[in-house]
Amino acid sequence: MVKNKICVLCEKPINNYNAGFNHFKIDESQEVDICLECVDKFSKWQQSILAKLFPTKAAKKRFG
């Protein structure tokens, strides 16, 4: 584990940094570190977008 990594989104220190969970490679020239809290927020945002694009009973129940 590596210490002193900072989340690129919220700029808070990333506790218990793990490259498998916190390091995001965008393309060959861009890589960022994201805390798990921001990963969770981004994931929920993405789920709500997908629920709007592909509405199902479960998605409607979860996201209205």
PDB file of N, CA and C in Angstrom:
ATOM      1  N   MET A   1       0.831  -1.189   0.000  1.00  0.00           N
ATOM      2  CA  MET A   1       0.000   0.000   0.000  1.00  0.00           C
ATOM      3  C   MET A   1       0.874   1.251   0.000  1.00  0.00           C
ATOM      4  N   VAL A   2       0.354   2.286  -0.648  1.00  0.00           N
ATOM      5  CA  VAL A   2       1.072   3.539  -0.779  1.00  0.00           C
ATOM      6  C   VAL A   2       0.337   4.607   0.018  1.00  0.00           C
ATOM      7  N   LYS A   3       1.079   5.494   0.650  1.00  0.00           N
ATOM      8  CA  LYS A   3       0.475   6.575   1.423  1.00  0.00           C
ATOM      9  C   LYS A   3       0.601   7.889   0.655  1.00  0.00           C
ATOM     10  N   ASN A   4      -0.121   8.903   1.125  1.00  0.00           N
ATOM     11  CA  ASN A   4      -0.049  10.257   0.607  1.00  0.00           C
ATOM     12  C   ASN A   4      -0.580  10.423  -0.811  1.00  0.00           C
ATOM     13  N   LYS A   5      -1.492   9.598  -1.236  1.00  0.00           N
ATOM     14  CA  LYS A   5      -2.161   9.801  -2.521  1.00  0.00           C
ATOM     15  C   LYS A   5      -3.363  10.701  -2.268  1.00  0.00           C
ATOM     16  N   ILE A   6      -3.662  11.574  -3.222  1.00  0.00           N
ATOM     17  CA  ILE A   6      -4.760  12.521  -3.093  1.00  0.00           C
ATOM     18  C   ILE A   6      -5.789  12.230  -4.193  1.00  0.00           C
ATOM     19  N   CYS A   7      -7.061  12.264  -3.825  1.00  0.00           N
ATOM     20  CA  CYS A   7      -8.142  12.053  -4.784  1.00  0.00           C
ATOM     21  C   CYS A   7      -8.208  13.248  -5.739  1.00  0.00           C
ATOM     22  N   VAL A   8      -8.246  12.963  -7.025  1.00  0.00           N
ATOM     23  CA  VAL A   8      -8.281  14.023  -8.025  1.00  0.00           C
ATOM     24  C   VAL A   8      -9.630  14.756  -8.035  1.00  0.00           C
ATOM     25  N   LEU A   9     -10.685  14.154  -7.528  1.00  0.00           N
ATOM     26  CA  LEU A   9     -12.008  14.775  -7.538  1.00  0.00           C
ATOM     27  C   LEU A   9     -12.281  15.621  -6.298  1.00  0.00           C
ATOM     28  N   CYS A  10     -12.092  15.050  -5.122  1.00  0.00           N
ATOM     29  CA  CYS A  10     -12.415  15.781  -3.883  1.00  0.00           C
ATOM     30  C   CYS A  10     -11.179  16.351  -3.196  1.00  0.00           C
ATOM     31  N   GLU A  11     -10.004  15.989  -3.677  1.00  0.00           N
ATOM     32  CA  GLU A  11      -8.721  16.481  -3.161  1.00  0.00           C
ATOM     33  C   GLU A  11      -8.452  16.096  -1.708  1.00  0.00           C
ATOM     34  N   LYS A  12      -9.088  15.029  -1.237  1.00  0.00           N
ATOM     35  CA  LYS A  12      -8.831  14.509   0.105  1.00  0.00           C
ATOM     36  C   LYS A  12      -7.797  13.386   0.008  1.00  0.00           C
ATOM     37  N   PRO A  13      -7.051  13.148   1.082  1.00  0.00           N
ATOM     38  CA  PRO A  13      -6.117  12.021   1.075  1.00  0.00           C
ATOM     39  C   PRO A  13      -6.864  10.695   0.927  1.00  0.00           C
ATOM     40  N   ILE A  14      -6.276   9.779   0.194  1.00  0.00           N
ATOM     41  CA  ILE A  14      -6.882   8.465  -0.006  1.00  0.00           C
ATOM     42  C   ILE A  14      -6.335   7.528   1.063  1.00  0.00           C
ATOM     43  N   ASN A  15      -7.196   7.154   1.997  1.00  0.00           N
ATOM     44  CA  ASN A  15      -6.807   6.224   3.052  1.00  0.00           C
ATOM     45  C   ASN A  15      -6.748   4.812   2.492  1.00  0.00           C
ATOM     46  N   ASN A  16      -5.795   4.031   2.937  1.00  0.00           N
ATOM     47  CA  ASN A  16      -5.642   2.640   2.510  1.00  0.00           C
ATOM     48  C   ASN A  16      -5.622   2.513   0.988  1.00  0.00           C
ATOM     49  N   TYR A  17      -4.800   3.320   0.347  1.00  0.00           N
ATOM     50  CA  TYR A  17      -4.689   3.325  -1.116  1.00  0.00           C
ATOM     51  C   TYR A  17      -4.365   1.933  -1.638  1.00  0.00           C
ATOM     52  N   ASN A  18      -5.093   1.544  -2.668  1.00  0.00           N
ATOM     53  CA  ASN A  18      -4.866   0.281  -3.348  1.00  0.00           C
ATOM     54  C   ASN A  18      -5.009   0.555  -4.844  1.00  0.00           C
ATOM     55  N   ALA A  19      -3.970   0.291  -5.616  1.00  0.00           N
ATOM     56  CA  ALA A  19      -3.985   0.600  -7.045  1.00  0.00           C
ATOM     57  C   ALA A  19      -5.148  -0.076  -7.767  1.00  0.00           C
ATOM     58  N   GLY A  20      -5.536  -1.263  -7.334  1.00  0.00           N
ATOM     59  CA  GLY A  20      -6.638  -1.969  -7.967  1.00  0.00           C
ATOM     60  C   GLY A  20      -7.984  -1.289  -7.790  1.00  0.00           C
ATOM     61  N   PHE A  21      -8.148  -0.567  -6.695  1.00  0.00           N
ATOM     62  CA  PHE A  21      -9.416   0.095  -6.410  1.00  0.00           C
ATOM     63  C   PHE A  21      -9.377   1.599  -6.665  1.00  0.00           C
ATOM     64  N   ASN A  22      -8.238   2.216  -6.484  1.00  0.00           N
ATOM     65  CA  ASN A  22      -8.163   3.670  -6.506  1.00  0.00           C
ATOM     66  C   ASN A  22      -7.499   4.276  -7.736  1.00  0.00           C
ATOM     67  N   HIS A  23      -6.821   3.486  -8.536  1.00  0.00           N
ATOM     68  CA  HIS A  23      -6.108   4.024  -9.697  1.00  0.00           C
ATOM     69  C   HIS A  23      -6.933   3.782 -10.956  1.00  0.00           C
ATOM     70  N   PHE A  24      -7.200   4.861 -11.709  1.00  0.00           N
ATOM     71  CA  PHE A  24      -8.023   4.786 -12.911  1.00  0.00           C
ATOM     72  C   PHE A  24      -7.199   5.253 -14.099  1.00  0.00           C
ATOM     73  N   LYS A  25      -7.014   4.361 -15.067  1.00  0.00           N
ATOM     74  CA  LYS A  25      -6.281   4.694 -16.288  1.00  0.00           C
ATOM     75  C   LYS A  25      -7.301   5.087 -17.345  1.00  0.00           C
ATOM     76  N   ILE A  26      -7.271   6.345 -17.750  1.00  0.00           N
ATOM     77  CA  ILE A  26      -8.229   6.869 -18.717  1.00  0.00           C
ATOM     78  C   ILE A  26      -7.829   6.474 -20.130  1.00  0.00           C
ATOM     79  N   ASP A  27      -6.580   6.716 -20.474  1.00  0.00           N
ATOM     80  CA  ASP A  27      -6.034   6.283 -21.754  1.00  0.00           C
ATOM     81  C   ASP A  27      -4.524   6.150 -21.598  1.00  0.00           C
ATOM     82  N   GLU A  28      -3.818   6.057 -22.691  1.00  0.00           N
ATOM     83  CA  GLU A  28      -2.367   5.824 -22.622  1.00  0.00           C
ATOM     84  C   GLU A  28      -1.600   6.958 -21.952  1.00  0.00           C
ATOM     85  N   SER A  29      -2.172   8.166 -21.948  1.00  0.00           N
ATOM     86  CA  SER A  29      -1.430   9.302 -21.397  1.00  0.00           C
ATOM     87  C   SER A  29      -2.040   9.899 -20.132  1.00  0.00           C
ATOM     88  N   GLN A  30      -3.199   9.401 -19.699  1.00  0.00           N
ATOM     89  CA  GLN A  30      -3.850   9.978 -18.531  1.00  0.00           C
ATOM     90  C   GLN A  30      -4.232   8.905 -17.523  1.00  0.00           C
ATOM     91  N   GLU A  31      -3.808   9.132 -16.270  1.00  0.00           N
ATOM     92  CA  GLU A  31      -4.137   8.243 -15.154  1.00  0.00           C
ATOM     93  C   GLU A  31      -4.416   9.110 -13.934  1.00  0.00           C
ATOM     94  N   VAL A  32      -5.392   8.716 -13.123  1.00  0.00           N
ATOM     95  CA  VAL A  32      -5.726   9.474 -11.925  1.00  0.00           C
ATOM     96  C   VAL A  32      -5.965   8.530 -10.753  1.00  0.00           C
ATOM     97  N   ASP A  33      -5.916   9.082  -9.552  1.00  0.00           N
ATOM     98  CA  ASP A  33      -6.229   8.346  -8.334  1.00  0.00           C
ATOM     99  C   ASP A  33      -7.519   8.917  -7.759  1.00  0.00           C
ATOM    100  N   ILE A  34      -8.466   8.033  -7.410  1.00  0.00           N
ATOM    101  CA  ILE A  34      -9.780   8.447  -6.919  1.00  0.00           C
ATOM    102  C   ILE A  34     -10.084   7.683  -5.636  1.00  0.00           C
ATOM    103  N   CYS A  35     -10.589   8.388  -4.624  1.00  0.00           N
ATOM    104  CA  CYS A  35     -10.936   7.733  -3.357  1.00  0.00           C
ATOM    105  C   CYS A  35     -12.188   6.874  -3.546  1.00  0.00           C
ATOM    106  N   LEU A  36     -12.387   5.921  -2.661  1.00  0.00           N
ATOM    107  CA  LEU A  36     -13.531   5.016  -2.783  1.00  0.00           C
ATOM    108  C   LEU A  36     -14.858   5.735  -2.620  1.00  0.00           C
ATOM    109  N   GLU A  37     -14.894   6.811  -1.843  1.00  0.00           N
ATOM    110  CA  GLU A  37     -16.123   7.587  -1.683  1.00  0.00           C
ATOM    111  C   GLU A  37     -16.534   8.216  -3.020  1.00  0.00           C
ATOM    112  N   CYS A  38     -15.580   8.769  -3.750  1.00  0.00           N
ATOM    113  CA  CYS A  38     -15.876   9.360  -5.054  1.00  0.00           C
ATOM    114  C   CYS A  38     -16.197   8.276  -6.092  1.00  0.00           C
ATOM    115  N   VAL A  39     -15.535   7.134  -6.006  1.00  0.00           N
ATOM    116  CA  VAL A  39     -15.857   6.019  -6.898  1.00  0.00           C
ATOM    117  C   VAL A  39     -17.311   5.608  -6.686  1.00  0.00           C
ATOM    118  N   ASP A  40     -17.740   5.531  -5.428  1.00  0.00           N
ATOM    119  CA  ASP A  40     -19.114   5.151  -5.108  1.00  0.00           C
ATOM    120  C   ASP A  40     -20.104   6.185  -5.642  1.00  0.00           C
ATOM    121  N   LYS A  41     -19.810   7.470  -5.461  1.00  0.00           N
ATOM    122  CA  LYS A  41     -20.681   8.530  -5.969  1.00  0.00           C
ATOM    123  C   LYS A  41     -20.778   8.471  -7.492  1.00  0.00           C
ATOM    124  N   PHE A  42     -19.642   8.277  -8.155  1.00  0.00           N
ATOM    125  CA  PHE A  42     -19.620   8.193  -9.610  1.00  0.00           C
ATOM    126  C   PHE A  42     -20.409   6.978 -10.089  1.00  0.00           C
ATOM    127  N   SER A  43     -20.251   5.867  -9.399  1.00  0.00           N
ATOM    128  CA  SER A  43     -20.960   4.639  -9.761  1.00  0.00           C
ATOM    129  C   SER A  43     -22.469   4.819  -9.641  1.00  0.00           C
ATOM    130  N   LYS A  44     -22.921   5.449  -8.568  1.00  0.00           N
ATOM    131  CA  LYS A  44     -24.357   5.702  -8.383  1.00  0.00           C
ATOM    132  C   LYS A  44     -24.891   6.651  -9.451  1.00  0.00           C
ATOM    133  N   TRP A  45     -24.111   7.664  -9.812  1.00  0.00           N
ATOM    134  CA  TRP A  45     -24.506   8.586 -10.869  1.00  0.00           C
ATOM    135  C   TRP A  45     -24.646   7.828 -12.193  1.00  0.00           C
ATOM    136  N   GLN A  46     -23.675   6.980 -12.490  1.00  0.00           N
ATOM    137  CA  GLN A  46     -23.710   6.202 -13.720  1.00  0.00           C
ATOM    138  C   GLN A  46     -24.911   5.253 -13.741  1.00  0.00           C
ATOM    139  N   GLN A  47     -25.227   4.636 -12.616  1.00  0.00           N
ATOM    140  CA  GLN A  47     -26.381   3.746 -12.534  1.00  0.00           C
ATOM    141  C   GLN A  47     -27.674   4.504 -12.810  1.00  0.00           C
ATOM    142  N   SER A  48     -27.788   5.731 -12.297  1.00  0.00           N
ATOM    143  CA  SER A  48     -29.001   6.506 -12.529  1.00  0.00           C
ATOM    144  C   SER A  48     -29.129   6.900 -13.997  1.00  0.00           C
ATOM    145  N   ILE A  49     -28.019   7.188 -14.660  1.00  0.00           N
ATOM    146  CA  ILE A  49     -28.037   7.496 -16.091  1.00  0.00           C
ATOM    147  C   ILE A  49     -28.484   6.275 -16.879  1.00  0.00           C
ATOM    148  N   LEU A  50     -27.920   5.120 -16.555  1.00  0.00           N
ATOM    149  CA  LEU A  50     -28.296   3.884 -17.254  1.00  0.00           C
ATOM    150  C   LEU A  50     -29.753   3.521 -16.997  1.00  0.00           C
ATOM    151  N   ALA A  51     -30.248   3.796 -15.802  1.00  0.00           N
ATOM    152  CA  ALA A  51     -31.651   3.506 -15.492  1.00  0.00           C
ATOM    153  C   ALA A  51     -32.582   4.366 -16.342  1.00  0.00           C
ATOM    154  N   LYS A  52     -32.161   5.581 -16.646  1.00  0.00           N
ATOM    155  CA  LYS A  52     -32.975   6.453 -17.503  1.00  0.00           C
ATOM    156  C   LYS A  52     -32.919   5.994 -18.959  1.00  0.00           C
ATOM    157  N   LEU A  53     -31.760   5.524 -19.389  1.00  0.00           N
ATOM    158  CA  LEU A  53     -31.607   5.071 -20.770  1.00  0.00           C
ATOM    159  C   LEU A  53     -32.292   3.734 -21.019  1.00  0.00           C
ATOM    160  N   PHE A  54     -32.214   2.833 -20.042  1.00  0.00           N
ATOM    161  CA  PHE A  54     -32.766   1.494 -20.175  1.00  0.00           C
ATOM    162  C   PHE A  54     -33.682   1.199 -18.995  1.00  0.00           C
ATOM    163  N   PRO A  55     -34.870   1.799 -18.980  1.00  0.00           N
ATOM    164  CA  PRO A  55     -35.759   1.632 -17.822  1.00  0.00           C
ATOM    165  C   PRO A  55     -36.272   0.193 -17.670  1.00  0.00           C
ATOM    166  N   THR A  56     -36.105  -0.341 -16.480  1.00  0.00           N
ATOM    167  CA  THR A  56     -36.634  -1.645 -16.130  1.00  0.00           C
ATOM    168  C   THR A  56     -37.406  -1.481 -14.824  1.00  0.00           C
ATOM    169  N   LYS A  57     -38.143  -2.493 -14.437  1.00  0.00           N
ATOM    170  CA  LYS A  57     -38.892  -2.415 -13.171  1.00  0.00           C
ATOM    171  C   LYS A  57     -37.945  -2.143 -11.999  1.00  0.00           C
ATOM    172  N   ALA A  58     -36.845  -2.881 -11.957  1.00  0.00           N
ATOM    173  CA  ALA A  58     -35.901  -2.722 -10.836  1.00  0.00           C
ATOM    174  C   ALA A  58     -35.296  -1.318 -10.826  1.00  0.00           C
ATOM    175  N   ALA A  59     -34.934  -0.808 -12.006  1.00  0.00           N
ATOM    176  CA  ALA A  59     -34.347   0.527 -12.074  1.00  0.00           C
ATOM    177  C   ALA A  59     -35.363   1.598 -11.682  1.00  0.00           C
ATOM    178  N   LYS A  60     -36.609   1.445 -12.150  1.00  0.00           N
ATOM    179  CA  LYS A  60     -37.637   2.416 -11.796  1.00  0.00           C
ATOM    180  C   LYS A  60     -37.895   2.412 -10.300  1.00  0.00           C
ATOM    181  N   LYS A  61     -37.894   1.228  -9.705  1.00  0.00           N
ATOM    182  CA  LYS A  61     -38.127   1.121  -8.264  1.00  0.00           C
ATOM    183  C   LYS A  61     -36.990   1.785  -7.488  1.00  0.00           C
ATOM    184  N   ARG A  62     -35.751   1.593  -7.939  1.00  0.00           N
ATOM    185  CA  ARG A  62     -34.594   2.131  -7.227  1.00  0.00           C
ATOM    186  C   ARG A  62     -34.410   3.620  -7.440  1.00  0.00           C
ATOM    187  N   PHE A  63     -34.597   4.094  -8.670  1.00  0.00           N
ATOM    188  CA  PHE A  63     -34.290   5.485  -8.984  1.00  0.00           C
ATOM    189  C   PHE A  63     -35.507   6.344  -9.286  1.00  0.00           C
ATOM    190  N   GLY A  64     -36.687   5.767  -9.171  1.00  0.00           N
ATOM    191  CA  GLY A  64     -37.903   6.546  -9.401  1.00  0.00           C
ATOM    192  C   GLY A  64     -38.110   6.751 -10.860  1.00  0.00           C
TER     193      GLY A  64
END
